[in-house]
């Protein structure tokens, strides 16, 4: 049984898994950078101009 799993793992599935990791890792990193940048910029807005508070 383990030989069958190893045979399947040596096909294209490692490349598919790596692609998913790259895609979701990139999206997560971009989201994190966007949120951090937005929070940093929101602190620069004067309190009377803040529409969200």
Protein backbone atom coordinates (compact mmCIF):
# COMPACT_ATOMS: atom_id res chain seq x y z
CA UNK A 1 0.00 0.00 0.00
CA UNK A 2 2.76 2.47 0.84
CA UNK A 3 4.37 1.75 -2.53
CA UNK A 4 1.20 2.87 -4.29
CA UNK A 5 1.09 6.11 -2.30
CA UNK A 6 4.75 6.78 -3.06
CA UNK A 7 4.15 6.14 -6.76
CA UNK A 8 1.28 8.63 -6.78
CA UNK A 9 3.30 11.20 -4.82
CA UNK A 10 6.08 11.15 -7.39
CA UNK A 11 3.71 12.20 -10.20
CA UNK A 12 2.41 15.69 -10.73
CA UNK A 13 0.68 16.07 -7.34
CA UNK A 14 3.71 17.58 -5.58
CA UNK A 15 3.74 20.31 -8.22
CA UNK A 16 0.02 20.91 -7.75
CA UNK A 17 0.44 21.10 -3.98
CA UNK A 18 3.40 23.48 -4.34
CA UNK A 19 1.36 25.70 -6.65
CA UNK A 20 -1.48 25.85 -4.11
CA UNK A 21 0.98 26.76 -1.35
CA UNK A 22 2.50 29.51 -3.49
CA UNK A 23 -0.88 30.93 -4.51
CA UNK A 24 -2.44 30.94 -1.05
CA UNK A 25 0.81 32.04 0.59
CA UNK A 26 1.06 34.97 -1.80
CA UNK A 27 -2.57 35.93 -1.25
CA UNK A 28 -2.12 35.75 2.52
CA UNK A 29 1.03 37.85 2.42
CA UNK A 30 -0.64 40.45 0.18
CA UNK A 31 -3.67 40.62 2.49
CA UNK A 32 -1.42 41.06 5.53
CA UNK A 33 0.60 43.82 3.87
CA UNK A 34 -2.60 45.57 2.77
CA UNK A 35 -4.15 45.48 6.25
CA UNK A 36 -0.97 46.69 7.94
CA UNK A 37 -0.58 49.50 5.42
CA UNK A 38 -4.22 50.51 5.80
CA UNK A 39 -3.95 50.65 9.58
CA UNK A 40 -0.79 52.72 9.34
CA UNK A 41 -2.41 55.15 6.90
CA UNK A 42 -5.64 55.40 8.92
CA UNK A 43 -3.68 56.75 11.90
CA UNK A 44 -2.56 59.70 9.75
CA UNK A 45 -6.13 60.85 9.06
CA UNK A 46 -7.29 63.61 11.42
CA UNK A 47 -10.04 62.50 13.86
CA UNK A 48 -12.63 64.90 12.40
CA UNK A 49 -12.13 63.41 8.92
CA UNK A 50 -12.52 59.76 10.02
CA UNK A 51 -15.79 58.40 8.69
CA UNK A 52 -15.34 54.96 10.22
CA UNK A 53 -15.31 55.98 13.89
